[in-house]
Amino acid sequence: MLGWLRQKNKNHPVKAEGEAGAEVPSTMPQQGSDILVSSSAADEPVDHTSPLLTVQGVERSFPVGGQELHVLKGIHMSLYQRQLVMLKGRSGSGKTTLLNLIGGLDQPNKGEIIFKEYPFHLCSDDKRTQIRRKEIGFIFQSFALMPLLSAWENVELGLRMADVPRSEWKQRVAHCLELVGLSKRMHHRPFELSGGEQQRVAIAKAIAHRPSLLLADEPTAELDSQMGAQVMAVFREIIQTEKVTICMTTHDPTIMEVADRVFEMVDGKFINT
């Protein structure tokens, strides 16, 4: 299932550091075919010299039982435009803590995090919240969808929260749901959708406000291999069409070959980078 993705990604080597009855995304190839990516988007130059985000010497610890638990220990990394970056590691290695820092949900005890021109490590909570709503999208392992709202309404809710003008909602929601292959399921509520479809709604919601950075915490953990491959196909497509950088956590070895960069974490540090 991931073979075509590996072929598509052959020019971007990894650097170490469909469920039954479901609509398959338009980006998913049929057997024996290749993924179709907009040529205009794919041909646009990408800046790999100026990082979108830089992490320098970041440390994070938490008080536990009267002692300090050191979760991150001197992390250095950079994210560049339109890359798929994976943070690999076992549970407790520090992946999610780092993702939260990158997304401005938390602040480090030491070190710097620069997102575009914003020094996250110096910004107030209100300022980081403002930046997140405009510039960053989040995908959670639990999907984080409102159960009584349809797929359309869940995506629209994301636009409301990001203060996107109402005049743009209809076109943007329709575009994002079509992009993830759910144009025929847009009026279904989460309990009427499969796990893979719910995750695709979450992706549509996360990209609706046109973020430059998309963060995903174990987005394939609750999915079988086929549905996980569909999610990775969607990720690859939106990197091109939406010009977004994706950073995700995972411990699934079957999907790592489609990444542009893999950072392996052990006990709060990167190894093999």
Protein backbone atom coordinates (compact mmCIF):
# COMPACT_ATOMS: atom_id res chain seq x y z
CA MET A 1 0.00 0.00 0.00
CA LEU A 2 2.86 2.36 0.71
CA GLY A 3 4.90 1.25 -2.28
CA TRP A 4 3.66 4.01 -4.57
CA LEU A 5 4.36 6.59 -1.85
CA ARG A 6 7.92 5.35 -1.53
CA GLN A 7 8.29 5.63 -5.32
CA LYS A 8 6.88 9.16 -5.25
CA ASN A 9 9.35 10.02 -2.51
CA LYS A 10 12.43 8.46 -4.12
CA ASN A 11 13.91 11.86 -4.91
CA HIS A 12 13.55 12.90 -1.26
CA PRO A 13 15.42 10.22 0.71
CA VAL A 14 14.76 9.91 4.40
CA LYS A 15 17.46 11.35 6.56
CA ALA A 16 17.86 9.70 9.94
CA GLU A 17 18.05 11.86 12.87
CA GLY A 18 -9.09 2.42 2.59
CA GLU A 19 -11.50 0.80 4.72
CA ALA A 20 -14.35 -1.11 3.09
CA GLY A 21 -17.08 1.12 1.72
CA ALA A 22 -15.19 4.34 2.36
CA GLU A 23 -14.59 6.97 -0.28
CA VAL A 24 -10.94 6.98 -1.29
CA PRO A 25 -9.35 10.43 -1.47
CA SER A 26 -8.85 11.81 -4.95
CA THR A 27 -5.11 11.76 -4.23
CA MET A 28 -5.05 8.03 -3.62
CA PRO A 29 -3.85 6.15 -6.72
CA GLN A 30 -5.64 3.14 -8.07
CA GLN A 31 -3.53 0.01 -8.27
CA GLY A 32 -0.74 0.50 -10.79
CA SER A 33 -1.06 4.29 -11.01
CA ASP A 34 0.76 7.25 -9.52
CA ILE A 35 -0.48 10.03 -7.29
CA LEU A 36 -1.57 13.12 -9.20
CA VAL A 37 -0.07 16.34 -7.85
CA SER A 38 -0.81 19.78 -9.25
CA SER A 39 2.09 20.54 -11.57
CA SER A 40 1.93 24.26 -10.81
CA ALA A 41 2.25 23.61 -7.08
CA ALA A 42 4.94 20.97 -7.48
CA ASP A 43 7.04 23.16 -9.78
CA GLU A 44 7.09 26.22 -7.53
CA PRO A 45 10.51 26.86 -5.95
CA VAL A 46 10.85 25.88 -2.32
CA ASP A 47 13.14 27.76 0.05
CA HIS A 48 15.34 25.22 1.83
CA THR A 49 17.81 27.83 3.06
CA SER A 50 15.64 29.81 5.49
CA PRO A 51 14.03 27.62 8.18
CA LEU A 52 10.32 27.98 8.85
CA LEU A 53 11.05 27.04 12.46
CA THR A 54 14.26 26.69 14.46
CA VAL A 55 14.76 24.96 17.81
CA GLN A 56 18.04 25.74 19.58
CA GLY A 57 19.24 24.11 22.80
CA VAL A 58 15.74 23.49 24.11
CA GLU A 59 15.27 21.84 27.48
CA ARG A 60 12.02 21.04 29.28
CA SER A 61 11.53 19.57 32.73
CA PHE A 62 8.57 19.05 35.04
CA PRO A 63 8.38 18.76 38.85
CA VAL A 64 7.51 15.21 39.86
CA GLY A 65 7.50 14.06 43.47
CA GLY A 66 9.67 16.92 44.65
CA GLN A 67 12.25 16.33 41.90
CA GLU A 68 12.73 17.59 38.35
CA LEU A 69 11.91 15.17 35.54
CA HIS A 70 14.04 16.17 32.54
CA VAL A 71 11.98 15.37 29.45
CA LEU A 72 13.91 17.27 26.77
CA LYS A 73 17.68 17.63 26.97
CA GLY A 74 19.26 20.09 24.54
CA ILE A 75 17.19 19.74 21.38
CA HIS A 76 18.37 21.33 18.13
CA MET A 77 16.35 21.09 14.89
CA SER A 78 15.08 23.09 11.92
CA LEU A 79 11.94 22.70 9.81
CA TYR A 80 11.87 23.93 6.22
CA GLN A 81 9.10 24.75 3.79
CA ARG A 82 6.93 21.93 2.42
CA GLN A 83 8.68 19.10 4.24
CA LEU A 84 7.20 16.04 5.91
CA VAL A 85 9.18 15.60 9.13
CA MET A 86 8.67 12.75 11.59
CA LEU A 87 9.63 12.55 15.25
CA LYS A 88 10.25 8.87 15.95
CA GLY A 89 10.46 7.33 19.39
CA ARG A 90 8.89 5.16 22.03
CA SER A 91 6.26 6.40 24.43
CA GLY A 92 7.92 8.68 26.99
CA SER A 93 10.81 9.66 24.71
CA GLY A 94 9.70 13.32 24.62
CA LYS A 95 8.04 13.46 21.18
CA THR A 96 4.74 14.98 22.26
CA THR A 97 6.42 17.42 24.65
CA LEU A 98 8.56 18.69 21.78
CA LEU A 99 5.54 18.93 19.48
CA ASN A 100 3.73 21.03 22.10
CA LEU A 101 6.70 23.39 22.33
CA ILE A 102 6.94 23.71 18.55
CA GLY A 103 3.24 24.55 18.42
CA GLY A 104 3.43 27.16 21.14
CA LEU A 105 1.27 25.17 23.55
CA ASP A 106 4.07 25.19 26.13
CA GLN A 107 7.35 27.01 26.74
CA PRO A 108 10.84 25.60 27.34
CA ASN A 109 12.83 26.00 30.54
CA LYS A 110 15.85 26.81 28.43
CA GLY A 111 16.64 27.44 24.78
CA GLU A 112 15.01 29.20 21.85
CA ILE A 113 12.14 28.42 19.49
CA ILE A 114 11.83 30.74 16.50
CA PHE A 115 8.75 30.34 14.28
CA LYS A 116 9.01 32.62 11.27
CA GLU A 117 9.87 35.94 12.94
CA TYR A 118 8.22 35.03 16.24
CA PRO A 119 10.36 34.04 19.28
CA PHE A 120 7.94 31.58 20.88
CA HIS A 121 10.15 31.25 23.95
CA LEU A 122 9.63 34.96 24.69
CA CYS A 123 6.00 35.43 23.59
CA SER A 124 3.17 35.81 26.07
CA ASP A 125 0.44 33.16 26.24
CA ASP A 126 -1.97 35.50 24.43
CA LYS A 127 0.51 36.19 21.65
CA ARG A 128 1.26 32.49 21.12
CA THR A 129 -2.47 31.76 20.99
CA GLN A 130 -2.93 34.46 18.37
CA ILE A 131 -0.10 33.03 16.25
CA ARG A 132 -1.40 29.45 16.57
CA ARG A 133 -4.87 30.38 15.35
CA LYS A 134 -3.46 32.03 12.24
CA GLU A 135 -0.36 30.04 11.38
CA ILE A 136 -0.51 26.52 12.87
CA GLY A 137 -2.86 23.58 12.47
CA PHE A 138 -3.13 20.66 14.91
CA ILE A 139 -4.18 17.05 14.34
CA PHE A 140 -4.70 14.96 17.45
CA GLN A 141 -4.66 11.20 17.86
CA SER A 142 -8.22 11.28 19.22
CA PHE A 143 -9.48 13.27 16.16
CA ALA A 144 -10.92 16.03 18.44
CA LEU A 145 -14.16 16.43 16.46
CA MET A 146 -17.42 17.81 17.83
CA PRO A 147 -19.72 14.74 17.91
CA LEU A 148 -22.98 16.57 17.14
CA LEU A 149 -21.58 18.52 14.20
CA SER A 150 -21.30 17.23 10.64
CA ALA A 151 -17.98 16.98 8.83
CA TRP A 152 -18.78 20.27 7.11
CA GLU A 153 -19.65 21.99 10.39
CA ASN A 154 -16.51 20.69 12.11
CA VAL A 155 -14.30 22.15 9.39
CA GLU A 156 -16.28 25.39 9.45
CA LEU A 157 -15.75 25.60 13.21
CA GLY A 158 -12.00 25.70 12.62
CA LEU A 159 -12.46 28.71 10.34
CA ARG A 160 -14.57 30.48 12.95
CA MET A 161 -11.89 30.00 15.59
CA ALA A 162 -9.20 31.33 13.23
CA ASP A 163 -11.25 34.46 12.47
CA VAL A 164 -11.36 33.69 8.75
CA PRO A 165 -13.87 35.99 7.00
CA ARG A 166 -17.31 34.37 6.66
CA SER A 167 -17.29 35.05 2.92
CA GLU A 168 -14.51 32.46 2.53
CA TRP A 169 -16.07 29.66 4.57
CA LYS A 170 -18.16 27.88 1.93
CA GLN A 171 -15.44 27.67 -0.70
CA ARG A 172 -12.74 26.75 1.79
CA VAL A 173 -14.72 24.01 3.55
CA ALA A 174 -15.76 22.45 0.25
CA HIS A 175 -12.18 22.55 -1.05
CA CYS A 176 -10.67 20.96 2.06
CA LEU A 177 -13.23 18.15 2.27
CA GLU A 178 -12.76 17.40 -1.42
CA LEU A 179 -9.00 17.41 -0.94
CA VAL A 180 -9.23 14.66 1.71
CA GLY A 181 -11.76 12.65 -0.30
CA LEU A 182 -14.89 13.35 1.73
CA SER A 183 -16.97 15.50 -0.63
CA LYS A 184 -19.71 12.85 -0.56
CA ARG A 185 -19.63 12.46 3.24
CA MET A 186 -19.59 16.12 4.25
CA HIS A 187 -22.99 16.03 5.96
CA HIS A 188 -22.23 12.94 8.07
CA ARG A 189 -21.47 13.27 11.76
CA PRO A 190 -18.41 11.60 13.34
CA PHE A 191 -20.29 8.54 14.61
CA GLU A 192 -21.42 7.87 11.03
CA LEU A 193 -17.84 7.87 9.75
CA SER A 194 -15.08 5.27 9.99
CA GLY A 195 -11.90 5.97 11.94
CA GLY A 196 -10.00 6.80 8.77
CA GLU A 197 -12.73 9.17 7.62
CA GLN A 198 -12.80 10.92 10.99
CA GLN A 199 -9.05 11.46 10.77
CA ARG A 200 -9.47 12.95 7.31
CA VAL A 201 -12.10 15.36 8.65
CA ALA A 202 -9.59 16.35 11.34
CA ILE A 203 -6.99 16.99 8.62
CA ALA A 204 -9.43 19.13 6.63
CA LYS A 205 -10.24 21.12 9.76
CA ALA A 206 -6.55 21.62 10.55
CA ILE A 207 -5.66 23.00 7.10
CA ALA A 208 -8.82 25.04 6.44
CA HIS A 209 -7.34 28.33 7.70
CA ARG A 210 -4.25 27.90 5.50
CA PRO A 211 -1.58 27.33 8.18
CA SER A 212 2.08 27.30 7.23
CA LEU A 213 2.83 24.56 9.80
CA LEU A 214 0.77 21.45 10.53
CA LEU A 215 1.49 19.41 13.67
CA ALA A 216 0.14 15.87 14.07
CA ASP A 217 0.45 13.72 17.19
CA GLU A 218 0.46 10.01 16.24
CA PRO A 219 -2.07 10.56 13.41
CA THR A 220 -2.01 6.90 12.32
CA ALA A 221 -1.83 5.25 15.75
CA GLU A 222 -5.50 4.25 15.86
CA LEU A 223 -5.71 3.24 12.19
CA ASP A 224 -4.94 0.02 10.37
CA SER A 225 -2.19 -0.03 7.74
CA GLN A 226 -4.51 0.70 4.82
CA MET A 227 -6.13 3.70 6.49
CA GLY A 228 -2.72 4.87 7.70
CA ALA A 229 -1.47 4.81 4.10
CA GLN A 230 -4.45 6.91 3.05
CA VAL A 231 -3.60 9.51 5.69
CA MET A 232 0.01 9.66 4.50
CA ALA A 233 -1.23 10.08 0.91
CA VAL A 234 -3.33 13.04 2.00
CA PHE A 235 -0.34 14.52 3.85
CA ARG A 236 1.84 14.28 0.75
CA GLU A 237 -0.83 15.95 -1.38
CA ILE A 238 -1.52 18.86 0.96
CA ILE A 239 2.20 19.60 1.29
CA GLN A 240 2.07 20.44 -2.42
CA THR A 241 -1.38 21.98 -2.81
CA GLU A 242 -1.52 23.88 0.49
CA LYS A 243 2.22 24.66 0.66
CA VAL A 244 2.37 23.48 4.26
CA THR A 245 5.14 21.94 6.37
CA ILE A 246 4.11 18.89 8.40
CA CYS A 247 5.77 17.69 11.59
CA MET A 248 4.31 14.54 13.13
CA THR A 249 5.12 12.08 15.88
CA THR A 250 5.04 8.35 15.25
CA HIS A 251 6.37 4.99 16.34
CA ASP A 252 5.09 3.21 13.22
CA PRO A 253 8.07 1.98 11.15
CA THR A 254 5.89 1.25 8.10
CA ILE A 255 5.32 4.94 7.28
CA MET A 256 8.75 6.44 7.94
CA GLU A 257 10.10 5.86 4.42
CA VAL A 258 7.75 8.53 3.03
CA ALA A 259 9.24 11.27 5.25
CA ASP A 260 11.71 13.89 4.08
CA ARG A 261 13.41 13.84 7.48
CA VAL A 262 13.19 11.57 10.54
CA PHE A 263 14.43 12.64 13.97
CA GLU A 264 14.77 9.70 16.34
CA MET A 265 14.28 10.49 20.02
CA VAL A 266 15.58 8.47 22.96
CA ASP A 267 15.27 9.75 26.53
CA GLY A 268 14.71 13.35 25.51
CA LYS A 269 17.57 13.55 23.00
CA PHE A 270 17.98 13.10 19.26
CA ILE A 271 20.17 10.25 18.04
CA ASN A 272 21.50 9.53 14.54
CA THR A 273 20.83 13.08 13.30
